[in-house]
Protein backbone atom coordinates (compact mmCIF):
# COMPACT_ATOMS: atom_id res chain seq x y z
CA MET A 1 0.61 -0.10 0.05
CA ALA A 2 1.55 3.43 -0.74
CA PHE A 3 0.43 6.64 0.75
CA PRO A 4 -0.71 8.84 -1.25
CA TYR A 5 -2.39 6.38 -3.30
CA LYS A 6 -1.06 6.41 -6.79
CA THR A 7 -4.14 3.47 -7.82
CA ILE A 8 -7.51 3.36 -6.64
CA LEU A 9 -10.03 0.30 -7.90
CA CYS A 10 -13.56 1.45 -8.17
CA PRO A 11 -16.12 -1.29 -8.56
CA LEU A 12 -19.43 -0.44 -10.68
CA ASP A 13 -22.24 -2.40 -10.65
CA PHE A 14 -24.04 1.01 -12.26
CA ASP A 15 -26.86 2.09 -9.69
CA GLU A 16 -27.20 4.94 -8.15
CA ASN A 17 -24.86 4.02 -5.13
CA SER A 18 -21.85 2.95 -6.96
CA LEU A 19 -21.78 5.79 -9.48
CA VAL A 20 -21.98 8.38 -5.93
CA ALA A 21 -18.83 6.08 -4.86
CA LEU A 22 -17.60 6.61 -8.20
CA ASP A 23 -17.79 10.65 -7.68
CA ARG A 24 -15.86 10.08 -4.35
CA ALA A 25 -13.43 8.10 -6.06
CA VAL A 26 -12.67 10.47 -8.55
CA GLU A 27 -12.38 13.42 -6.18
CA LEU A 28 -9.83 11.21 -4.44
CA ALA A 29 -7.32 10.50 -7.85
CA ARG A 30 -7.77 13.86 -8.54
CA HIS A 31 -6.41 15.20 -5.57
CA PHE A 32 -3.59 12.61 -4.84
CA ASP A 33 -2.80 12.39 -9.15
CA SER A 34 -3.92 8.23 -9.12
CA SER A 35 -4.80 5.97 -11.61
CA LEU A 36 -8.35 5.19 -12.02
CA ILE A 37 -9.55 1.25 -12.73
CA LEU A 38 -12.95 0.98 -12.82
CA LEU A 39 -14.26 -2.46 -13.20
CA HIS A 40 -17.72 -3.75 -13.35
CA VAL A 41 -18.58 -7.79 -12.87
CA LEU A 42 -20.60 -9.84 -14.55
CA PRO A 43 -21.94 -12.43 -11.95
CA LEU A 44 -21.67 -15.90 -12.94
CA VAL A 45 -24.48 -17.87 -11.33
CA ILE A 46 -24.49 -21.60 -11.56
CA SER A 47 -26.89 -23.84 -9.47
CA LEU A 48 -25.83 -27.02 -7.98
CA GLY A 49 -25.66 -29.82 -10.56
CA GLU A 50 -25.58 -27.08 -13.67
CA VAL A 51 -23.34 -27.09 -16.13
CA ALA A 52 -21.41 -23.91 -16.72
CA PRO A 53 -22.20 -21.54 -19.65
CA LEU A 54 -20.59 -21.50 -22.19
CA ALA A 55 -18.38 -17.92 -22.78
CA GLY A 56 -19.83 -16.91 -25.68
CA MET A 57 -23.34 -16.61 -23.83
CA TYR A 58 -22.06 -13.48 -21.79
CA GLU A 59 -19.91 -11.56 -24.99
CA ASP A 60 -23.48 -9.34 -25.58
CA GLN A 61 -23.53 -8.50 -21.63
CA GLU A 62 -19.73 -8.00 -21.82
CA LYS A 63 -20.18 -5.86 -24.59
CA ALA A 64 -22.74 -3.52 -23.31
CA ALA A 65 -20.98 -3.14 -19.82
CA ARG A 66 -17.66 -2.32 -21.72
CA ALA A 67 -19.88 0.26 -23.49
CA LYS A 68 -21.29 1.55 -20.33
CA LEU A 69 -17.98 1.74 -18.33
CA ALA A 70 -16.79 3.75 -21.43
CA ASP A 71 -19.43 5.93 -21.75
CA ILE A 72 -19.55 6.72 -17.87
CA ALA A 73 -15.37 7.26 -17.93
CA LYS A 74 -16.30 9.75 -20.96
CA GLN A 75 -18.29 12.04 -18.74
CA LYS A 76 -16.79 11.79 -15.33
CA LEU A 77 -13.23 11.13 -16.13
CA ALA A 78 -11.86 13.87 -17.87
CA GLY A 79 -7.87 13.95 -17.74
CA LEU A 80 -7.07 11.25 -15.31
CA LYS A 81 -5.29 8.06 -16.15
CA HIS A 82 -7.98 5.51 -16.27
CA VAL A 83 -8.32 1.68 -17.39
CA GLU A 84 -11.79 -0.48 -17.50
CA HIS A 85 -12.32 -3.92 -16.99
CA VAL A 86 -15.03 -5.87 -16.93
CA TYR A 87 -14.86 -9.49 -15.31
CA VAL A 88 -16.98 -12.65 -15.30
CA GLY A 89 -17.24 -14.60 -11.96
CA ASP A 90 -17.98 -14.80 -8.81
CA VAL A 91 -18.32 -10.77 -7.46
CA ILE A 92 -16.51 -10.86 -4.42
CA GLU A 93 -13.61 -13.21 -5.86
CA SER A 94 -13.40 -11.22 -9.02
CA ILE A 95 -13.25 -7.81 -7.16
CA LEU A 96 -10.29 -8.90 -5.10
CA ASN A 97 -8.74 -10.64 -7.96
CA ALA A 98 -8.39 -7.47 -9.93
CA GLN A 99 -7.52 -5.40 -6.42
CA ASN A 100 -4.61 -7.93 -6.15
CA LYS A 101 -3.81 -8.25 -10.08
CA HIS A 102 -3.58 -4.46 -10.27
CA GLN A 103 -1.73 -3.72 -6.28
CA SER A 104 -4.61 -1.01 -5.91
CA ASP A 105 -3.54 1.56 -3.18
CA LEU A 106 -7.21 1.92 -2.15
CA MET A 107 -10.73 0.43 -3.30
CA VAL A 108 -13.91 2.91 -3.21
CA MET A 109 -17.02 1.24 -3.43
CA ALA A 110 -21.02 1.46 -2.74
CA THR A 111 -22.61 0.09 0.02
CA HIS A 112 -26.19 -0.62 0.04
CA GLY A 113 -26.87 -0.69 3.51
CA ARG A 114 -29.05 -3.71 3.87
CA THR A 115 -29.46 -5.18 7.34
CA GLY A 116 -31.55 -7.91 9.04
CA LEU A 117 -32.82 -10.33 6.87
CA ALA A 118 -32.16 -8.67 3.58
CA ARG A 119 -28.42 -8.90 4.42
CA VAL A 120 -28.54 -12.64 5.87
CA PHE A 121 -30.39 -13.49 2.24
CA LEU A 122 -28.45 -11.39 -0.19
CA GLY A 123 -24.90 -11.59 1.75
CA SER A 124 -22.78 -8.39 1.71
CA VAL A 125 -20.25 -8.14 -0.94
CA ALA A 126 -18.98 -4.82 0.56
CA GLU A 127 -18.28 -6.87 4.15
CA ALA A 128 -16.67 -9.75 2.03
CA ILE A 129 -14.42 -7.38 0.60
CA VAL A 130 -13.57 -5.39 3.63
CA ARG A 131 -12.49 -8.26 5.72
CA LYS A 132 -11.06 -9.78 2.52
CA ALA A 133 -8.73 -6.81 0.60
CA THR A 134 -5.29 -6.30 1.18
CA CYS A 135 -6.00 -2.85 1.10
CA PRO A 136 -8.15 -0.02 2.79
CA VAL A 137 -11.52 0.17 1.59
CA LEU A 138 -13.50 3.08 1.28
CA MET A 139 -17.34 1.88 1.67
CA ILE A 140 -19.44 4.89 0.36
CA ARG A 141 -23.15 4.68 1.25
CA ASP A 142 -25.66 7.27 -0.37
CA GLU A 143 -27.49 9.19 2.20
CA SER A 144 -28.75 12.64 0.50
CA PRO A 145 -29.16 15.05 3.28
CA GLU A 146 -32.54 15.96 1.90
CA THR A 147 -33.74 11.94 2.33
CA HIS A 148 -32.21 12.15 5.93
CA THR A 149 -33.79 15.27 6.91
CA GLU A 150 -37.41 14.43 5.70
CA GLY A 151 -36.85 11.17 8.12
CA THR A 152 -35.65 12.94 11.13
CA LYS A 153 -39.22 15.56 10.64
CA ASP A 154 -41.38 12.92 10.25
CA LEU A 155 -39.94 10.61 13.21
CA LYS A 156 -40.34 14.70 15.01
CA ALA A 157 -44.16 15.08 14.08
CA GLU A 158 -44.90 11.52 15.70
CA SER A 159 -43.26 12.17 18.75
CA GLY A 160 -44.73 15.92 18.82
CA GLN A 161 -41.22 17.53 18.97
CA THR A 162 -40.93 20.72 17.41
CA GLU A 163 -38.23 22.49 15.65
CA GLN A 164 -36.79 26.00 17.00
CA THR A 165 -34.21 28.13 15.75
CA CYS A 166 -32.72 31.17 17.67
CA ASP A 167 -32.39 34.49 15.68
């Protein structure tokens, strides 16, 4: 691991949270003059007893993912050194393999913040990455102030509390 960070890995699943994480990774890359590695993983899902799909079955999805990464890079990474990769396989193992292969100094990724049964059944990619990565991992959770404030106002209204300001 090197500080300042020279290589930052940013896994993307193309949802809003991962794009927010990318924005933070771009800020860090610009600040440290780092190169950025964008990674998208196409999950390879095989049930017990199934035969692995032929590699050609993922060609269209891989081509679409590469095009989407290129589009995102064009919009958000102007002037930054960067590379784009698409892996096919287990999401956690693919991210960890990319981190090891590219010797990234920092990983910046989104977390969905699932709790309870959703986390038990869906697992937590973010948690597994934090436990197994060999570099620091910065988790970004999209909590916009508007959403957080609205929830607070609703709770205060239910409890009968009011906000007071001092002039």
